[in-house]
Amino acid sequence: MTTTLPSPELIASFIDIVGSANALTNPADLVPYLIESRGLYKGTTPMVLRPGSVEEVSRIMKLATATRAAIVPQGGNTGHVAGQIPREGKADIVLSLQRLNRIRDIDPVGNVIVADAGCILADIQKAADDNDRLFPLSLGSEGSARIGGNLSTNAGGTAVLAYGNMRQLCLGLEVVLPTGEIWDGLRRLKKDNTGYDLRDLFIGAEGTLGVITGAVLKMFPKPLGHQVAFAGVGSVEHALTLFDKASSLCGTALTGFELMPRLGVQFTTKHIPGVRDPMETVHSWYALIDISTSDSAESAERMMHELLEQGIVAGLVENAVIATSEEQRKALWHMRESMSPAQKPEGGSIKHDVSVPVSSIPAFMKEADAAVMRAMPGARICSFGHMGDGNIHYNISQPAGADKQAFLDRWREMNAIVHGIVLKYNGSISAEHGIGQLKRDELAAVRPEIEIELMRRIKHAFDPAGIMNPDKVLRAG
């Protein structure tokens, strides 16, 4: 791989492929492509290439393999583990997919949408909506996140409980391999048992095996009924029992069940414009419940009222509000989606994107809270997330008045504490954000040796030159 600056001749050859207007080399123009959203990593690059076709991507990759030039694919640059950021001090070339943003086909009858990898997630949602369909992936960054990145990280979001991760929302892929070969796997079949499922190798691979350039995505009929409620509960245990009741009563109509602490509500109402506490009473924990039904609005309303009544009678729900309009539904979800950025004004925040078996959430959180507070008295724990699928964003805000950098310098220490407890409960250190650079070495430490070896074999089979997003997921060499 190239670790020194490419020669002027090689740079010129790459520029010839995309044209001078789509090859950025001015340092000021490169900055937006080099810093990840949390500011933990800043990379270096000699250039950013912005191809406008799959054929141009193919030519770039063929040249990169021939010259051993490292390539870092990038979508909307919204990732949280620096998988999309070039390495610092190296000569990685950023391959931006932002110009590959065409919706190729929409088939409402077959419930599929075929799109370029550079399409923005919100545009995919709108295209489905315009055809009276639903594309259910929803993220806080959906206005800038791009489909290729969503696939490369196997993004989850708030509707995993009902619809699954991106792996479940994708039927087929188009991928440019490191050699420049193009694999056309844009199949629209729900059933296809012809050999190895190559699609699933590229989804979640974080650009280390090839460049995703297109995808066949699933759409769904729009729900006819939709109800969202915000319920105050006394404990995480009560929230879990309420979730169990919701699952039994609602079945597949339960599309979201989010857990939020009082501290998170305080942060959002304090720092996010327009967010207000929907309740006059204060509660230790809150559950955001989302029900969507296919038959009628009345059935969703009836289901929500019955669930909350059961929760109140059982002593699980202390108070609740039900959204009475689409505007109110969006406001409740906006509070939940704002919980992560709302921590930023409070100073340093050490993040954990973890998952444990759903039934283990209360025990995990109790044990993790105690361990964190022993190690860092005064820390403010803001743990929230998708209770329905076991994914908790276990975030730790710095003690009030503490030195931010001194706090952040303990990132690895706090990770070790929290992740150690996650593993005790047979959980995962990365639920939906991926591995990237941030968790690469930790992955090697916590996974069985045979798993890491199999990953290396797969990596070498697809990328023998080692040019694809090196040092992400697995350490290069």
Protein backbone atom coordinates (compact mmCIF):
# COMPACT_ATOMS: atom_id res chain seq x y z
CA MET A 1 0.00 0.00 0.00
CA THR A 2 1.05 3.57 -0.61
CA THR A 3 2.17 5.17 2.66
CA THR A 4 3.95 8.15 1.09
CA LEU A 5 2.40 10.76 -1.15
CA PRO A 6 1.48 9.42 -4.60
CA SER A 7 3.63 10.66 -7.42
CA PRO A 8 2.36 13.61 -9.47
CA GLU A 9 1.91 11.18 -12.35
CA LEU A 10 -0.31 8.87 -10.28
CA ILE A 11 -2.37 11.78 -8.98
CA ALA A 12 -2.82 12.95 -12.55
CA SER A 13 -3.97 9.47 -13.60
CA PHE A 14 -6.65 9.43 -10.88
CA ILE A 15 -7.76 12.95 -11.83
CA ASP A 16 -8.09 11.88 -15.47
CA ILE A 17 -10.69 9.29 -14.43
CA VAL A 18 -13.10 11.67 -12.67
CA GLY A 19 -12.15 15.00 -14.20
CA SER A 20 -10.44 17.91 -12.46
CA ALA A 21 -13.72 19.31 -11.11
CA ASN A 22 -14.33 16.10 -9.18
CA ALA A 23 -10.86 15.57 -7.76
CA LEU A 24 -10.19 17.69 -4.68
CA THR A 25 -6.58 18.42 -3.73
CA ASN A 26 -6.80 21.87 -2.13
CA PRO A 27 -6.26 21.40 1.66
CA ALA A 28 -9.23 23.62 2.52
CA ASP A 29 -11.53 21.53 0.31
CA LEU A 30 -10.35 18.29 1.95
CA VAL A 31 -11.23 19.24 5.54
CA PRO A 32 -14.91 18.09 5.56
CA TYR A 33 -13.81 14.61 4.48
CA LEU A 34 -11.14 14.19 7.15
CA ILE A 35 -12.90 14.70 10.50
CA GLU A 36 -15.50 12.32 11.93
CA SER A 37 -18.63 13.54 13.69
CA ARG A 38 -17.31 13.28 17.25
CA GLY A 39 -13.95 14.86 16.53
CA LEU A 40 -11.95 11.95 17.89
CA TYR A 41 -10.14 11.21 14.62
CA LYS A 42 -8.64 13.46 11.99
CA GLY A 43 -7.09 11.86 8.93
CA THR A 44 -4.88 12.97 6.10
CA THR A 45 -5.26 12.48 2.37
CA PRO A 46 -3.62 13.74 -0.82
CA MET A 47 -6.96 13.88 -2.62
CA VAL A 48 -10.69 13.18 -2.61
CA LEU A 49 -12.12 11.51 -5.71
CA ARG A 50 -15.82 11.95 -6.51
CA PRO A 51 -16.72 9.52 -9.31
CA GLY A 52 -19.97 10.03 -11.19
CA SER A 53 -20.52 6.47 -12.42
CA VAL A 54 -19.90 2.86 -11.48
CA GLU A 55 -17.50 2.62 -14.40
CA GLU A 56 -15.39 5.43 -12.95
CA VAL A 57 -15.31 3.64 -9.57
CA SER A 58 -14.15 0.52 -11.39
CA ARG A 59 -11.31 2.38 -13.13
CA ILE A 60 -10.24 3.98 -9.84
CA MET A 61 -10.08 0.63 -8.09
CA LYS A 62 -8.21 -1.04 -10.93
CA LEU A 63 -5.58 1.69 -10.85
CA ALA A 64 -5.41 1.60 -7.05
CA THR A 65 -4.74 -2.14 -7.01
CA ALA A 66 -2.09 -1.84 -9.70
CA THR A 67 -0.29 0.92 -7.81
CA ARG A 68 -1.05 -0.27 -4.26
CA ALA A 69 -2.80 3.01 -3.42
CA ALA A 70 -5.03 2.77 -0.34
CA ILE A 71 -8.69 3.71 -0.88
CA VAL A 72 -11.16 4.82 1.81
CA PRO A 73 -14.83 4.77 0.64
CA GLN A 74 -16.97 7.49 2.20
CA GLY A 75 -20.69 8.20 2.10
CA GLY A 76 -22.17 11.00 4.22
CA ASN A 77 -19.33 10.98 6.80
CA THR A 78 -21.78 10.45 9.66
CA GLY A 79 -20.10 7.37 11.15
CA HIS A 80 -19.12 7.29 14.83
CA VAL A 81 -16.12 4.92 14.80
CA ALA A 82 -13.93 6.55 12.11
CA GLY A 83 -14.43 3.77 9.59
CA GLN A 84 -14.90 6.38 6.87
CA ILE A 85 -11.90 8.54 7.84
CA PRO A 86 -8.46 8.09 6.22
CA ARG A 87 -5.60 7.27 8.51
CA GLU A 88 -3.53 10.06 9.98
CA GLY A 89 -0.08 10.43 8.47
CA LYS A 90 -0.78 8.08 5.56
CA ALA A 91 -1.63 8.68 1.91
CA ASP A 92 -5.08 7.09 1.84
CA ILE A 93 -7.22 8.41 -1.02
CA VAL A 94 -10.83 9.20 -0.10
CA LEU A 95 -13.41 7.85 -2.53
CA SER A 96 -16.59 9.87 -2.02
CA LEU A 97 -19.83 8.33 -3.29
CA GLN A 98 -21.82 11.56 -3.01
CA ARG A 99 -22.24 11.99 -6.79
CA LEU A 100 -23.69 8.48 -7.17
CA ASN A 101 -27.09 9.65 -5.98
CA ARG A 102 -29.60 8.41 -8.54
CA ILE A 103 -32.71 6.41 -7.73
CA ARG A 104 -32.65 3.87 -10.53
CA ASP A 105 -36.07 2.26 -10.21
CA ILE A 106 -39.07 1.99 -7.91
CA ASP A 107 -41.41 -0.98 -7.98
CA PRO A 108 -44.35 -0.41 -5.59
CA VAL A 109 -45.94 -3.76 -6.47
CA GLY A 110 -42.74 -5.65 -5.73
CA ASN A 111 -42.06 -3.31 -2.79
CA VAL A 112 -38.47 -2.56 -3.86
CA ILE A 113 -36.46 0.54 -4.63
CA VAL A 114 -33.16 0.35 -6.55
CA ALA A 115 -30.76 3.16 -5.71
CA ASP A 116 -27.18 4.36 -6.03
CA ALA A 117 -25.10 4.05 -2.88
CA GLY A 118 -24.71 7.82 -2.64
CA CYS A 119 -28.43 8.48 -2.21
CA ILE A 120 -29.23 10.28 1.03
CA LEU A 121 -31.37 8.20 3.38
CA ALA A 122 -34.04 10.92 3.70
CA ASP A 123 -34.39 10.99 -0.10
CA ILE A 124 -34.98 7.24 -0.14
CA GLN A 125 -37.64 7.66 2.55
CA LYS A 126 -39.32 10.40 0.51
CA ALA A 127 -39.20 8.39 -2.72
CA ALA A 128 -40.92 5.51 -0.97
CA ASP A 129 -43.47 7.87 0.59
CA ASP A 130 -44.24 9.43 -2.81
CA ASN A 131 -45.15 5.94 -3.99
CA ASP A 132 -47.39 5.27 -0.97
CA ARG A 133 -44.77 3.02 0.58
CA LEU A 134 -42.52 3.06 3.63
CA PHE A 135 -38.75 2.66 3.85
CA PRO A 136 -38.43 2.15 7.60
CA LEU A 137 -34.76 2.86 8.37
CA SER A 138 -34.72 6.04 10.48
CA LEU A 139 -31.66 7.69 12.01
CA GLY A 140 -30.87 11.03 13.59
CA SER A 141 -28.45 11.64 10.69
CA GLU A 142 -30.90 10.64 7.94
CA GLY A 143 -30.66 14.06 6.30
CA SER A 144 -27.00 13.49 5.42
CA ALA A 145 -26.29 9.76 5.86
CA ARG A 146 -26.03 7.87 2.57
CA ILE A 147 -27.28 4.41 1.72
CA GLY A 148 -23.84 2.97 0.98
CA GLY A 149 -22.64 3.91 4.44
CA ASN A 150 -25.84 2.59 6.01
CA LEU A 151 -25.21 -0.74 4.33
CA SER A 152 -21.50 -0.81 5.08
CA THR A 153 -22.21 -0.39 8.79
CA ASN A 154 -25.41 -2.49 8.81
CA ALA A 155 -27.22 0.50 10.31
CA GLY A 156 -30.07 -0.15 12.70
CA GLY A 157 -31.94 2.94 13.85
CA THR A 158 -35.22 3.17 15.69
CA ALA A 159 -37.35 0.62 13.82
CA VAL A 160 -35.16 -2.50 14.10
CA LEU A 161 -37.71 -4.09 16.42
CA ALA A 162 -40.23 -4.38 13.58
CA TYR A 163 -38.17 -4.25 10.37
CA GLY A 164 -34.61 -5.29 11.23
CA ASN A 165 -31.20 -3.79 10.41
CA MET A 166 -30.07 -2.82 6.92
CA ARG A 167 -29.11 -6.45 6.31
CA GLN A 168 -32.80 -7.32 6.58
CA LEU A 169 -33.82 -4.32 4.46
CA CYS A 170 -31.60 -5.15 1.48
CA LEU A 171 -32.29 -7.75 -1.21
CA GLY A 172 -29.31 -7.18 -3.49
CA LEU A 173 -26.12 -5.21 -4.04
CA GLU A 174 -23.86 -3.89 -6.74
CA VAL A 175 -20.22 -3.83 -5.63
CA VAL A 176 -16.97 -2.77 -7.24
CA LEU A 177 -14.20 -5.07 -6.04
CA PRO A 178 -10.67 -3.86 -5.23
CA THR A 179 -9.54 -5.27 -8.59
CA GLY A 180 -12.03 -3.08 -10.44
CA GLU A 181 -14.34 -5.99 -11.26
CA ILE A 182 -18.04 -5.20 -10.91
CA TRP A 183 -20.32 -7.67 -9.15
CA ASP A 184 -23.92 -7.13 -10.24
CA GLY A 185 -25.94 -8.69 -7.45
CA LEU A 186 -28.94 -6.38 -7.81
CA ARG A 187 -31.43 -9.19 -7.40
CA ARG A 188 -34.97 -8.50 -6.27
CA LEU A 189 -35.69 -12.00 -5.01
CA LYS A 190 -36.90 -12.76 -1.51
CA LYS A 191 -35.91 -16.39 -2.01
CA ASP A 192 -32.56 -17.27 -3.57
CA ASN A 193 -30.54 -20.18 -2.21
CA THR A 194 -27.97 -20.39 -5.00
CA GLY A 195 -24.68 -20.70 -3.17
CA TYR A 196 -22.92 -18.39 -0.74
CA ASP A 197 -24.73 -15.17 0.12
CA LEU A 198 -22.13 -12.65 -1.05
CA ARG A 199 -24.44 -9.77 -0.22
CA ASP A 200 -24.13 -10.41 3.51
CA LEU A 201 -20.34 -10.32 3.34
CA PHE A 202 -20.33 -6.74 2.07
CA ILE A 203 -23.08 -5.49 4.39
CA GLY A 204 -21.38 -4.53 7.65
CA ALA A 205 -17.86 -4.87 6.17
CA GLU A 206 -17.26 -1.10 6.48
CA GLY A 207 -15.74 -0.80 3.02
CA THR A 208 -12.93 -3.25 3.69
CA LEU A 209 -13.94 -5.77 0.99
CA GLY A 210 -15.23 -3.58 -1.84
CA VAL A 211 -17.15 -0.43 -2.74
CA ILE A 212 -20.93 -0.71 -2.60
CA THR A 213 -22.29 1.33 -5.52
CA GLY A 214 -25.95 0.27 -5.67
CA ALA A 215 -28.61 -1.59 -3.73
CA VAL A 216 -32.06 -3.13 -3.95
CA LEU A 217 -33.93 -2.02 -0.84
CA LYS A 218 -37.19 -3.29 0.59
CA MET A 219 -40.25 -1.08 0.92
CA PHE A 220 -43.37 -1.80 2.93
CA PRO A 221 -47.02 -0.75 2.75
CA LYS A 222 -47.68 2.36 4.80
CA PRO A 223 -49.33 1.70 8.16
CA LEU A 224 -52.92 2.90 8.34
CA GLY A 225 -52.78 3.39 12.11
CA HIS A 226 -49.98 5.05 14.06
CA GLN A 227 -49.83 5.87 17.76
CA VAL A 228 -46.91 7.15 19.84
CA ALA A 229 -46.93 7.44 23.62
CA PHE A 230 -44.47 8.72 26.22
CA ALA A 231 -44.71 6.87 29.52
CA GLY A 232 -43.01 7.62 32.83
CA VAL A 233 -41.81 4.51 34.67
CA GLY A 234 -40.09 4.02 37.99
CA SER A 235 -37.25 1.74 36.95
CA VAL A 236 -35.57 -0.08 34.10
CA GLU A 237 -37.15 -3.29 35.42
CA HIS A 238 -40.60 -1.74 35.08
CA ALA A 239 -39.77 -0.62 31.54
CA LEU A 240 -38.73 -4.17 30.65
CA THR A 241 -41.94 -5.64 32.05
CA LEU A 242 -43.93 -3.04 30.12
CA PHE A 243 -42.06 -4.00 26.96
CA ASP A 244 -42.98 -7.64 27.54
CA LYS A 245 -46.63 -6.66 27.84
CA ALA A 246 -46.38 -4.55 24.68
CA SER A 247 -44.85 -7.42 22.74
CA SER A 248 -47.61 -9.80 23.80
CA LEU A 249 -50.43 -7.36 23.17
CA CYS A 250 -49.19 -5.71 19.96
CA GLY A 251 -47.10 -8.39 18.26
CA THR A 252 -45.64 -7.07 15.00
CA ALA A 253 -47.55 -3.80 15.42
CA LEU A 254 -44.99 -2.76 18.05
CA THR A 255 -42.53 -0.82 15.89
CA GLY A 256 -40.53 0.97 18.57
CA PHE A 257 -39.84 0.79 22.29
CA GLU A 258 -37.19 3.26 23.44
CA LEU A 259 -35.76 3.68 26.94
CA MET A 260 -34.69 7.11 28.21
CA PRO A 261 -33.40 8.35 31.58
CA ARG A 262 -34.48 11.50 33.35
CA LEU A 263 -31.01 12.97 32.78
CA GLY A 264 -31.42 12.57 29.02
CA VAL A 265 -34.74 14.43 29.09
CA GLN A 266 -33.11 17.20 31.11
CA PHE A 267 -30.26 17.51 28.60
CA THR A 268 -32.56 17.66 25.58
CA THR A 269 -34.99 20.19 27.04
CA LYS A 270 -32.05 22.34 28.16
CA HIS A 271 -29.96 22.29 24.99
CA ILE A 272 -32.15 21.40 21.98
CA PRO A 273 -34.29 24.28 20.70
CA GLY A 274 -37.99 23.52 20.60
CA VAL A 275 -37.81 20.38 22.75
CA ARG A 276 -39.98 20.42 25.86
CA ASP A 277 -40.85 17.89 28.52
CA PRO A 278 -44.30 16.52 27.58
CA MET A 279 -45.07 15.74 31.23
CA GLU A 280 -45.56 17.99 34.23
CA THR A 281 -44.51 15.19 36.56
CA VAL A 282 -40.92 13.97 36.90
CA HIS A 283 -40.00 10.30 36.49
CA SER A 284 -36.78 8.33 36.82
CA TRP A 285 -37.17 6.64 33.43
CA TYR A 286 -39.31 6.98 30.33
CA ALA A 287 -40.49 4.64 27.59
CA LEU A 288 -41.27 5.91 24.10
CA ILE A 289 -43.73 3.46 22.57
CA ASP A 290 -44.56 3.38 18.86
CA ILE A 291 -47.39 1.26 17.46
CA SER A 292 -48.21 0.94 13.75
CA THR A 293 -51.12 -1.11 12.44
CA SER A 294 -52.03 -2.16 8.94
CA ASP A 295 -55.81 -2.18 9.31
CA SER A 296 -56.98 1.12 10.81
CA ALA A 297 -56.14 4.12 12.96
CA GLU A 298 -58.72 2.93 15.47
CA SER A 299 -56.92 -0.33 16.07
CA ALA A 300 -53.63 1.44 16.85
CA GLU A 301 -55.41 3.80 19.23
CA ARG A 302 -57.22 0.94 20.93
CA MET A 303 -54.02 -1.06 21.28
CA MET A 304 -52.09 1.84 22.83
CA HIS A 305 -54.83 2.66 25.33
CA GLU A 306 -55.10 -0.97 26.38
CA LEU A 307 -51.34 -1.28 26.83
CA LEU A 308 -51.11 1.84 28.98
CA GLU A 309 -54.13 0.82 31.06
CA GLN A 310 -52.54 -2.57 31.72
CA GLY A 311 -49.30 -0.81 32.63
CA ILE A 312 -51.02 1.52 35.09
CA VAL A 313 -52.99 -1.29 36.74
CA ALA A 314 -49.82 -3.36 37.11
CA GLY A 315 -47.97 -0.43 38.70
CA LEU A 316 -45.53 -0.15 35.81
CA VAL A 317 -46.67 3.15 34.31
CA GLU A 318 -46.72 6.19 36.59
CA ASN A 319 -48.00 8.64 33.98
CA ALA A 320 -48.31 8.79 30.21
CA VAL A 321 -49.16 11.05 27.32
CA ILE A 322 -50.38 9.95 23.90
CA ALA A 323 -49.59 12.02 20.84
CA THR A 324 -52.77 13.31 19.21
CA SER A 325 -51.24 14.56 15.94
CA GLU A 326 -48.40 13.84 13.57
CA GLU A 327 -46.67 16.96 14.84
CA GLN A 328 -46.76 15.63 18.41
CA ARG A 329 -45.54 12.21 17.30
CA LYS A 330 -42.58 13.82 15.57
CA ALA A 331 -41.87 15.97 18.65
CA LEU A 332 -41.66 12.92 20.90
CA TRP A 333 -39.31 11.14 18.50
CA HIS A 334 -37.27 14.33 18.10
CA MET A 335 -36.61 14.30 21.84
CA ARG A 336 -35.32 10.75 21.65
CA GLU A 337 -33.21 11.38 18.53
CA SER A 338 -31.71 14.52 20.10
CA MET A 339 -30.48 12.74 23.20
CA SER A 340 -26.98 12.13 21.87
CA PRO A 341 -26.21 15.66 20.54
CA ALA A 342 -27.79 17.15 23.68
CA GLN A 343 -24.89 15.76 25.72
CA LYS A 344 -22.28 17.77 23.81
CA PRO A 345 -22.91 21.12 25.56
CA GLU A 346 -22.44 19.35 28.90
CA GLY A 347 -18.75 18.73 28.11
CA GLY A 348 -16.96 15.49 27.36
CA SER A 349 -18.99 12.35 26.73
CA ILE A 350 -17.57 8.83 26.61
CA LYS A 351 -19.76 6.74 24.30
CA HIS A 352 -20.64 3.06 24.27
CA ASP A 353 -22.79 1.49 21.56
CA VAL A 354 -23.49 -1.91 23.09
CA SER A 355 -26.09 -4.65 23.06
CA VAL A 356 -27.05 -7.33 25.55
CA PRO A 357 -29.90 -9.84 25.58
CA VAL A 358 -33.10 -7.88 26.18
CA SER A 359 -33.87 -9.68 29.43
CA SER A 360 -30.41 -8.74 30.77
CA ILE A 361 -30.75 -4.98 30.27
CA PRO A 362 -31.67 -4.11 33.90
CA ALA A 363 -28.91 -6.27 35.39
CA PHE A 364 -26.32 -4.96 32.94
CA MET A 365 -27.21 -1.33 33.57
CA LYS A 366 -27.24 -1.74 37.35
CA GLU A 367 -23.82 -3.40 37.35
CA ALA A 368 -22.32 -0.97 34.83
CA ASP A 369 -23.64 2.06 36.73
CA ALA A 370 -22.06 0.86 39.96
CA ALA A 371 -18.71 0.11 38.31
CA VAL A 372 -18.58 3.48 36.52
CA MET A 373 -19.41 5.43 39.65
CA ARG A 374 -16.73 3.59 41.62
CA ALA A 375 -14.15 4.46 38.98
CA MET A 376 -15.35 8.02 38.42
CA PRO A 377 -17.40 9.55 41.24
CA GLY A 378 -19.61 12.34 39.97
CA ALA A 379 -19.90 10.94 36.44
CA ARG A 380 -23.29 11.57 34.86
CA ILE A 381 -24.58 8.43 33.17
CA CYS A 382 -26.97 8.97 30.28
CA SER A 383 -27.90 5.49 29.05
CA PHE A 384 -30.69 5.26 26.52
CA GLY A 385 -31.64 3.34 23.43
CA HIS A 386 -33.58 0.61 21.74
CA MET A 387 -34.88 -1.55 24.57
CA GLY A 388 -36.76 -3.70 22.08
CA ASP A 389 -33.56 -5.03 20.49
CA GLY A 390 -31.17 -4.79 23.44
CA ASN A 391 -29.11 -1.91 22.01
CA ILE A 392 -28.15 0.59 24.70
CA HIS A 393 -26.18 3.76 24.06
CA TYR A 394 -24.40 3.78 27.39
CA ASN A 395 -22.94 7.28 27.46
CA ILE A 396 -21.05 8.89 30.31
CA SER A 397 -20.97 12.69 30.59
CA GLN A 398 -18.13 14.27 32.51
CA PRO A 399 -18.65 15.26 36.15
CA ALA A 400 -19.94 18.82 36.41
CA GLY A 401 -17.02 21.24 36.41
CA ALA A 402 -14.44 18.58 35.51
CA ASP A 403 -11.64 19.16 33.02
CA LYS A 404 -12.90 17.92 29.65
CA GLN A 405 -9.60 16.63 28.30
CA ALA A 406 -8.68 14.88 31.54
CA PHE A 407 -12.05 13.18 31.39
CA LEU A 408 -11.69 12.14 27.74
CA ASP A 409 -8.20 10.80 28.45
CA ARG A 410 -9.94 8.05 30.43
CA TRP A 411 -11.96 6.90 27.38
CA ARG A 412 -10.21 3.53 27.03
CA GLU A 413 -10.36 2.91 30.77
CA MET A 414 -14.10 3.49 30.89
CA ASN A 415 -14.59 1.43 27.72
CA ALA A 416 -12.80 -1.48 29.37
CA ILE A 417 -15.07 -1.28 32.41
CA VAL A 418 -18.34 -1.08 30.47
CA HIS A 419 -17.38 -3.55 27.74
CA GLY A 420 -16.17 -6.04 30.31
CA ILE A 421 -19.63 -6.09 31.85
CA VAL A 422 -21.23 -6.28 28.39
CA LEU A 423 -19.23 -9.42 27.62
CA LYS A 424 -20.20 -10.92 30.97
CA TYR A 425 -23.81 -10.78 29.77
CA ASN A 426 -22.89 -12.27 26.37
CA GLY A 427 -23.37 -8.96 24.65
CA SER A 428 -21.61 -7.05 21.87
CA ILE A 429 -19.25 -4.06 22.07
CA SER A 430 -20.73 -2.70 18.83
CA ALA A 431 -24.46 -2.91 18.26
CA GLU A 432 -24.98 -0.62 15.27
CA HIS A 433 -22.11 1.84 14.77
CA GLY A 434 -19.50 -0.64 13.58
CA ILE A 435 -15.82 -1.17 14.46
CA GLY A 436 -13.84 1.25 12.27
CA GLN A 437 -10.65 2.49 13.88
CA LEU A 438 -12.14 3.13 17.32
CA LYS A 439 -12.85 -0.49 18.27
CA ARG A 440 -10.49 -2.35 15.92
CA ASP A 441 -7.97 -3.50 18.52
CA GLU A 442 -10.67 -4.22 21.06
CA LEU A 443 -12.46 -6.44 18.56
CA ALA A 444 -9.31 -8.53 18.17
CA ALA A 445 -9.07 -8.82 21.95
CA VAL A 446 -12.64 -9.92 22.66
CA ARG A 447 -13.42 -12.20 19.71
CA PRO A 448 -12.17 -15.81 19.54
CA GLU A 449 -8.94 -16.18 17.61
CA ILE A 450 -10.61 -18.37 14.98
CA GLU A 451 -13.16 -15.62 14.21
CA ILE A 452 -10.43 -13.04 13.64
CA GLU A 453 -8.50 -15.51 11.49
CA LEU A 454 -11.56 -16.25 9.34
CA MET A 455 -12.12 -12.52 8.89
CA ARG A 456 -8.52 -12.13 7.76
CA ARG A 457 -8.91 -14.94 5.24
CA ILE A 458 -12.04 -13.32 3.81
CA LYS A 459 -10.29 -9.95 3.65
CA HIS A 460 -7.31 -11.44 1.81
CA ALA A 461 -9.55 -13.33 -0.63
CA PHE A 462 -11.33 -10.15 -1.72
CA ASP A 463 -8.47 -7.70 -1.30
CA PRO A 464 -5.10 -9.44 -1.70
CA ALA A 465 -3.34 -6.11 -2.29
CA GLY A 466 -4.68 -4.77 1.01
CA ILE A 467 -5.82 -1.46 -0.44
CA MET A 468 -9.44 -1.39 0.77
CA ASN A 469 -9.94 0.83 3.82
CA PRO A 470 -6.80 -0.47 5.55
CA ASP A 471 -6.60 -0.62 9.36
CA LYS A 472 -10.38 -0.55 9.70
CA VAL A 473 -12.10 -3.48 11.44
CA LEU A 474 -8.84 -5.47 11.21
CA ARG A 475 -5.32 -4.16 11.63
CA ALA A 476 -3.45 -4.14 8.31
CA GLY A 477 -0.52 -6.50 7.79
